[in-house]
Amino acid sequence: MALDCFATLAMTAQRTSSSHMKYRAIVCPELGPPEVLRVEEFDAPALQPGQARVRIRSCGVNFPDLLMVAGKYQFKPELPFVPGFESAGDVIEVAEGAKVKVGDRVILRRKTGCFAEQGVGNPNELVPAPAHYNYDEAATYSVGLVTSYHGLITQGRLQKGERVLITGAAGGVGMAAVALAAHVGAEVFAVCSTAEKCAAAKAAGATHVINSSEQKIDDTVRALTGGKGVNCIYDPVGLPAEVALRSIAFAGRILLIGFAGDNPNYPGNRVLIKCVTLIGVRAGEFVRHFPDVRARETPEMEALTKVIRPHVSKAYPLVEAAQALRDIAERRAIGRIVLHP
């Protein structure tokens, strides 16, 4: 659904005027379904020392954006707010002390504010865009590959030859995990809900695909592994605990990435008996507590961008942000969706 481009400006008092320019952004004025979103015009704020202004060319759309607008995400920004936490574009203005320069292609990562024609970033919110990525790929790099690398490699310790089950394998985070796991030499079991999504996961590198609309996940995994199960489960969906515990091998690792479905309730006795390790994965929060981990991960992830590219299947104009979120809510996305300001 296209948004009303002439919506009333409700946040004027909160803006700092700048002679630079005005810009449009998507605003969430109240919590609810994607249709609550509006387009509003802002005065560009003056830059503070160290900051840079970015002309945003592409914004990544993510499931947490949908949850945030609905008020169901763990981070609850004060209303009204501009959704979006990953984007890419060009630096158009810098303040004294900025670590980038005008003309640089950058990724802008913030907790909110990226569904906009421009954004202001602090030094820790701006990183160079991979030179060989286009804007759409750069705008979707952070959530997909960074989450997958931190989950599978840093916390999940996935090794060549191991078996890994990936749920939501045709989604943005899931498809990145499939490609990464295949790259390191794992045997990848990809779970998808349609034949089309299974085909996409197979093309991304999955060894086996499981259509959850037609097959029981745990029974299929046990049949394909001779009853042994998989060494690791990468779960951005919220696999029922019983299914996960029947699918996991003895002493396996279950990576809890998110809960697109229900929040599973793991029985402690079953976890103990099978010596299973449950690992909560919050890539951004983890490295805020342990910044040396991100310093170690960064060059390794940069090297991976040469062989792994985000799969962007659909782009909408900025004013159709509600439709992009609706696609995610209704599980219509394969790979990533972006907005073009």
Protein backbone atom coordinates (compact mmCIF):
# COMPACT_ATOMS: atom_id res chain seq x y z
CA MET A 1 0.00 0.00 0.00
CA ALA A 2 1.45 3.39 -0.97
CA LEU A 3 1.75 5.78 1.95
CA ASP A 4 0.29 9.30 2.12
CA CYS A 5 3.12 11.62 1.06
CA PHE A 6 1.29 14.65 2.48
CA ALA A 7 0.83 13.43 6.05
CA THR A 8 0.78 16.06 8.79
CA LEU A 9 4.19 16.86 10.25
CA ALA A 10 3.96 15.81 13.87
CA MET A 11 7.54 15.97 15.06
CA THR A 12 8.63 19.51 14.16
CA ALA A 13 9.46 20.43 17.74
CA GLN A 14 11.91 17.54 18.01
CA ARG A 15 13.93 18.49 14.90
CA THR A 16 16.99 20.68 14.70
CA SER A 17 16.99 22.94 11.67
CA SER A 18 19.81 22.81 9.17
CA SER A 19 20.42 24.80 6.04
CA HIS A 20 21.49 21.60 4.30
CA MET A 21 18.13 20.29 3.04
CA LYS A 22 14.85 18.71 3.87
CA TYR A 23 14.25 15.01 3.49
CA ARG A 24 11.45 12.50 3.78
CA ALA A 25 11.29 9.57 6.15
CA ILE A 26 8.85 6.85 7.14
CA VAL A 27 7.38 7.55 10.58
CA CYS A 28 5.65 5.17 12.99
CA PRO A 29 3.31 7.49 14.94
CA GLU A 30 1.58 4.71 16.87
CA LEU A 31 2.06 0.99 17.40
CA GLY A 32 0.17 -1.37 15.15
CA PRO A 33 0.20 -3.09 11.74
CA PRO A 34 2.37 -1.77 8.89
CA GLU A 35 -0.48 0.45 7.69
CA VAL A 36 0.11 2.88 10.61
CA LEU A 37 3.25 4.14 8.86
CA ARG A 38 3.30 7.62 7.32
CA VAL A 39 5.67 9.68 5.21
CA GLU A 40 6.81 12.93 6.82
CA GLU A 41 9.24 15.66 5.85
CA PHE A 42 12.09 16.64 8.16
CA ASP A 43 14.57 19.49 8.39
CA ALA A 44 18.06 17.99 8.22
CA PRO A 45 19.64 18.25 11.69
CA ALA A 46 22.96 19.98 12.20
CA LEU A 47 25.88 17.56 12.49
CA GLN A 48 27.67 17.05 15.78
CA PRO A 49 31.44 16.45 15.97
CA GLY A 50 32.40 13.10 14.44
CA GLN A 51 29.11 12.65 12.59
CA ALA A 52 28.46 12.28 8.87
CA ARG A 53 25.33 12.74 6.79
CA VAL A 54 24.44 9.96 4.35
CA ARG A 55 22.23 10.14 1.27
CA ILE A 56 20.55 6.76 1.66
CA ARG A 57 20.18 4.77 -1.56
CA SER A 58 18.80 1.52 -0.18
CA CYS A 59 17.29 0.39 3.13
CA GLY A 60 17.16 -3.23 4.27
CA VAL A 61 13.75 -4.39 5.53
CA ASN A 62 13.82 -6.89 8.39
CA PHE A 63 11.43 -8.92 10.53
CA PRO A 64 12.42 -6.93 13.65
CA ASP A 65 11.22 -3.78 11.86
CA LEU A 66 7.77 -5.37 11.68
CA LEU A 67 7.93 -6.32 15.36
CA MET A 68 9.14 -2.86 16.37
CA VAL A 69 6.25 -1.14 14.59
CA ALA A 70 3.86 -3.53 16.37
CA GLY A 71 5.52 -2.93 19.75
CA LYS A 72 6.53 -6.59 20.06
CA TYR A 73 10.32 -6.27 19.80
CA GLN A 74 12.69 -6.33 22.78
CA PHE A 75 13.86 -2.81 21.89
CA LYS A 76 10.96 -0.36 22.09
CA PRO A 77 11.84 3.09 20.73
CA GLU A 78 9.90 6.10 21.97
CA LEU A 79 7.03 7.11 19.71
CA PRO A 80 7.01 8.53 17.11
CA PHE A 81 10.07 6.97 15.47
CA VAL A 82 11.55 6.21 12.07
CA PRO A 83 11.99 2.43 11.57
CA GLY A 84 14.92 0.74 9.87
CA PHE A 85 18.31 -0.25 11.20
CA GLU A 86 20.41 -1.01 8.13
CA SER A 87 20.98 1.03 4.99
CA ALA A 88 23.61 2.04 2.44
CA GLY A 89 24.40 5.21 0.57
CA ASP A 90 26.87 8.03 -0.02
CA VAL A 91 28.38 10.46 2.47
CA ILE A 92 27.23 13.98 1.54
CA GLU A 93 28.45 15.99 4.54
CA VAL A 94 30.88 15.48 7.40
CA ALA A 95 31.59 17.24 10.69
CA GLU A 96 34.97 17.77 12.26
CA GLY A 97 36.35 14.49 13.55
CA ALA A 98 34.38 12.26 11.16
CA LYS A 99 36.15 9.07 10.08
CA VAL A 100 34.66 9.14 6.57
CA LYS A 101 34.75 11.72 3.79
CA VAL A 102 32.27 13.17 1.33
CA GLY A 103 31.71 10.74 -1.53
CA ASP A 104 32.43 7.56 0.45
CA ARG A 105 30.04 4.65 -0.10
CA VAL A 106 29.04 3.47 3.35
CA ILE A 107 26.75 1.20 5.32
CA LEU A 108 24.73 3.09 7.94
CA ARG A 109 23.63 0.92 10.87
CA ARG A 110 21.45 2.34 13.63
CA LYS A 111 18.83 1.09 16.06
CA THR A 112 16.24 3.17 14.17
CA GLY A 113 16.11 5.85 11.51
CA CYS A 114 17.12 4.14 8.26
CA PHE A 115 13.76 4.24 6.42
CA ALA A 116 14.62 7.69 5.13
CA GLU A 117 16.13 9.64 2.27
CA GLN A 118 19.08 10.55 4.46
CA GLY A 119 20.50 9.72 7.85
CA VAL A 120 23.14 10.92 10.28
CA GLY A 121 25.64 8.43 11.65
CA ASN A 122 28.15 8.47 14.48
CA PRO A 123 31.57 6.94 13.77
CA ASN A 124 30.55 3.55 15.21
CA GLU A 125 27.43 3.48 13.00
CA LEU A 126 29.26 3.88 9.68
CA VAL A 127 31.39 1.29 7.89
CA PRO A 128 32.71 1.22 4.31
CA ALA A 129 30.46 -0.61 1.87
CA PRO A 130 32.15 -3.57 0.13
CA ALA A 131 33.45 -2.15 -3.15
CA HIS A 132 31.96 -4.95 -5.24
CA TYR A 133 28.49 -4.77 -3.61
CA ASN A 134 25.75 -2.62 -5.10
CA TYR A 135 23.66 -0.45 -2.76
CA ASP A 136 21.00 -3.14 -2.23
CA GLU A 137 23.60 -5.73 -1.29
CA ALA A 138 25.42 -3.32 1.02
CA ALA A 139 22.15 -2.35 2.71
CA THR A 140 21.35 -5.99 3.51
CA TYR A 141 24.83 -7.17 4.47
CA SER A 142 24.72 -6.37 8.17
CA VAL A 143 21.74 -8.35 9.40
CA GLY A 144 22.17 -11.36 7.12
CA LEU A 145 25.86 -12.15 6.92
CA VAL A 146 26.90 -10.59 10.22
CA THR A 147 24.20 -12.44 12.17
CA SER A 148 24.97 -15.70 10.36
CA TYR A 149 28.71 -15.42 10.85
CA HIS A 150 28.44 -14.50 14.52
CA GLY A 151 25.88 -17.24 15.12
CA LEU A 152 27.31 -20.12 13.11
CA ILE A 153 31.04 -19.45 13.41
CA THR A 154 31.70 -17.38 16.55
CA GLN A 155 29.10 -18.86 18.87
CA GLY A 156 28.09 -22.03 17.05
CA ARG A 157 31.65 -23.13 16.17
CA LEU A 158 30.39 -24.82 13.00
CA GLN A 159 33.06 -26.99 11.38
CA LYS A 160 33.59 -28.51 7.96
CA GLY A 161 31.77 -31.82 7.67
CA GLU A 162 29.26 -31.08 10.44
CA ARG A 163 25.52 -31.19 9.84
CA VAL A 164 23.48 -28.03 10.38
CA LEU A 165 19.71 -27.54 10.25
CA ILE A 166 18.62 -24.04 9.22
CA THR A 167 15.01 -22.94 9.65
CA GLY A 168 13.47 -20.14 7.61
CA ALA A 169 16.15 -20.97 5.07
CA ALA A 170 14.69 -18.84 2.27
CA GLY A 171 14.42 -15.75 4.46
CA GLY A 172 17.00 -12.98 4.65
CA VAL A 173 18.88 -14.31 7.68
CA GLY A 174 18.28 -17.96 6.81
CA MET A 175 19.52 -17.74 3.24
CA ALA A 176 22.72 -16.01 4.36
CA ALA A 177 23.23 -18.82 6.88
CA VAL A 178 22.75 -21.46 4.17
CA ALA A 179 25.36 -19.82 1.95
CA LEU A 180 27.83 -19.42 4.80
CA ALA A 181 27.39 -22.97 6.12
CA ALA A 182 27.82 -24.39 2.63
CA HIS A 183 30.94 -22.26 2.15
CA VAL A 184 32.61 -23.69 5.27
CA GLY A 185 31.83 -27.22 4.07
CA ALA A 186 28.94 -28.18 6.33
CA GLU A 187 26.13 -30.50 5.28
CA VAL A 188 23.17 -28.12 5.19
CA PHE A 189 19.59 -29.16 5.94
CA ALA A 190 17.36 -26.24 4.88
CA VAL A 191 13.78 -25.95 6.15
CA CYS A 192 11.33 -23.94 4.02
CA SER A 193 7.55 -23.73 3.77
CA THR A 194 7.03 -23.91 -0.04
CA ALA A 195 8.55 -25.62 -3.05
CA GLU A 196 9.65 -22.25 -4.43
CA LYS A 197 11.48 -21.41 -1.21
CA CYS A 198 13.06 -24.87 -1.12
CA ALA A 199 14.40 -24.27 -4.62
CA ALA A 200 15.87 -20.93 -3.53
CA ALA A 201 17.56 -22.52 -0.52
CA LYS A 202 18.95 -25.29 -2.73
CA ALA A 203 20.37 -22.68 -5.10
CA ALA A 204 21.97 -20.92 -2.11
CA GLY A 205 23.92 -24.08 -1.25
CA ALA A 206 21.69 -26.38 0.79
CA THR A 207 22.56 -30.08 0.66
CA HIS A 208 19.04 -31.17 1.61
CA VAL A 209 15.77 -29.25 1.61
CA ILE A 210 12.80 -30.03 3.84
CA ASN A 211 9.39 -28.66 2.86
CA SER A 212 7.77 -28.16 6.27
CA SER A 213 4.32 -27.97 4.65
CA GLU A 214 4.67 -31.54 3.45
CA GLN A 215 7.29 -33.21 5.65
CA LYS A 216 7.84 -33.59 9.38
CA ILE A 217 11.13 -31.87 10.10
CA ASP A 218 12.41 -34.17 12.85
CA ASP A 219 11.41 -37.40 11.10
CA THR A 220 13.05 -36.24 7.87
CA VAL A 221 16.26 -35.21 9.64
CA ARG A 222 16.51 -38.53 11.45
CA ALA A 223 15.86 -40.44 8.22
CA LEU A 224 18.54 -38.49 6.33
CA THR A 225 21.11 -38.88 9.13
CA GLY A 226 20.49 -42.52 10.02
CA GLY A 227 18.94 -41.47 13.32
CA LYS A 228 21.97 -39.46 14.45
CA GLY A 229 20.57 -35.96 13.99
CA VAL A 230 22.39 -32.72 13.17
CA ASN A 231 25.29 -31.20 15.09
CA CYS A 232 23.88 -27.68 15.02
CA ILE A 233 20.50 -25.97 14.57
CA TYR A 234 20.35 -22.35 13.39
CA ASP A 235 16.84 -21.20 14.25
CA PRO A 236 15.50 -17.72 13.40
CA VAL A 237 11.93 -19.06 13.36
CA GLY A 238 11.31 -20.61 16.76
CA LEU A 239 11.25 -24.35 16.11
CA PRO A 240 9.10 -26.24 18.66
CA ALA A 241 11.40 -27.57 21.37
CA GLU A 242 10.27 -31.17 20.86
CA VAL A 243 11.10 -30.99 17.14
CA ALA A 244 14.48 -29.39 17.77
CA LEU A 245 15.47 -31.91 20.45
CA ARG A 246 14.49 -34.85 18.23
CA SER A 247 16.53 -33.35 15.37
CA ILE A 248 19.70 -32.49 17.28
CA ALA A 249 22.54 -34.96 17.76
CA PHE A 250 23.96 -35.81 21.17
CA ALA A 251 25.98 -32.84 22.48
CA GLY A 252 24.67 -30.65 19.67
CA ARG A 253 24.25 -26.86 19.70
CA ILE A 254 20.95 -25.06 19.20
CA LEU A 255 21.34 -21.43 18.14
CA LEU A 256 18.31 -19.32 19.04
CA ILE A 257 18.33 -16.45 16.53
CA GLY A 258 14.76 -15.18 16.83
CA PHE A 259 11.11 -16.09 17.02
CA ALA A 260 9.21 -15.46 13.81
CA GLY A 261 6.77 -18.06 15.11
CA ASP A 262 6.22 -19.14 18.71
CA ASN A 263 8.73 -18.86 21.53
CA PRO A 264 9.80 -22.47 22.24
CA ASN A 265 9.83 -23.76 25.80
CA TYR A 266 12.80 -26.12 26.22
CA PRO A 267 12.47 -28.83 28.93
CA GLY A 268 15.57 -28.77 31.11
CA ASN A 269 15.64 -32.54 31.63
CA ARG A 270 15.72 -33.27 27.88
CA VAL A 271 18.45 -30.69 27.34
CA LEU A 272 20.48 -32.26 30.15
CA ILE A 273 19.99 -35.88 29.07
CA LYS A 274 21.13 -35.12 25.53
CA CYS A 275 23.93 -32.75 26.65
CA VAL A 276 22.55 -30.08 24.33
CA THR A 277 23.86 -26.51 24.45
CA LEU A 278 21.30 -23.73 23.96
CA ILE A 279 22.90 -20.52 22.68
CA GLY A 280 21.15 -17.17 22.43
CA VAL A 281 22.46 -15.17 19.46
CA ARG A 282 22.29 -11.36 19.46
CA ALA A 283 25.17 -10.36 17.23
CA GLY A 284 24.98 -6.62 17.86
CA GLU A 285 24.48 -6.80 21.61
CA PHE A 286 27.19 -9.43 22.09
CA VAL A 287 29.88 -7.29 20.49
CA ARG A 288 28.79 -4.22 22.43
CA HIS A 289 29.76 -6.18 25.54
CA PHE A 290 32.82 -7.76 23.91
CA PRO A 291 34.09 -5.35 21.21
CA ASP A 292 37.24 -7.39 20.67
CA VAL A 293 35.03 -10.12 19.19
CA ARG A 294 33.79 -7.82 16.42
CA ALA A 295 37.36 -6.63 15.80
CA ARG A 296 38.30 -10.26 15.18
CA GLU A 297 35.20 -11.05 13.11
CA THR A 298 35.34 -8.01 10.81
CA PRO A 299 38.27 -8.95 8.54
CA GLU A 300 36.96 -12.50 8.27
CA MET A 301 33.49 -11.26 7.25
CA GLU A 302 35.00 -8.77 4.80
CA ALA A 303 36.82 -11.65 3.12
CA LEU A 304 33.54 -13.55 2.87
CA THR A 305 31.88 -10.72 0.95
CA LYS A 306 34.03 -11.75 -2.01
CA VAL A 307 32.26 -15.12 -2.19
CA ILE A 308 28.86 -14.53 -0.54
CA ARG A 309 26.40 -11.91 -1.76
CA PRO A 310 23.00 -11.10 -0.22
CA HIS A 311 20.05 -12.33 -2.28
CA VAL A 312 17.76 -9.32 -2.83
CA SER A 313 14.52 -10.46 -4.43
CA LYS A 314 12.36 -7.35 -4.31
CA ALA A 315 12.66 -3.57 -4.07
CA TYR A 316 9.93 -1.07 -3.21
CA PRO A 317 9.92 2.73 -3.28
CA LEU A 318 10.34 4.24 0.19
CA VAL A 319 6.68 5.28 0.26
CA GLU A 320 5.65 1.62 0.01
CA ALA A 321 7.34 0.61 3.26
CA ALA A 322 4.05 -0.75 4.59
CA GLN A 323 3.79 -3.17 1.67
CA ALA A 324 7.38 -4.34 2.21
CA LEU A 325 6.63 -5.09 5.86
CA ARG A 326 3.39 -6.79 4.89
CA ASP A 327 5.34 -9.09 2.58
CA ILE A 328 7.52 -10.07 5.52
CA ALA A 329 4.53 -10.53 7.82
CA GLU A 330 2.86 -12.83 5.29
CA ARG A 331 6.06 -14.80 4.60
CA ARG A 332 6.18 -13.77 0.94
CA ALA A 333 9.83 -12.70 0.96
CA ILE A 334 12.55 -14.87 -0.53
CA GLY A 335 15.92 -13.56 0.54
CA ARG A 336 15.90 -9.83 1.21
CA ILE A 337 13.55 -6.93 0.50
CA VAL A 338 14.81 -3.34 0.22
CA LEU A 339 13.35 0.15 0.03
CA HIS A 340 14.63 2.74 -2.43
CA PRO A 341 14.35 6.32 -1.10
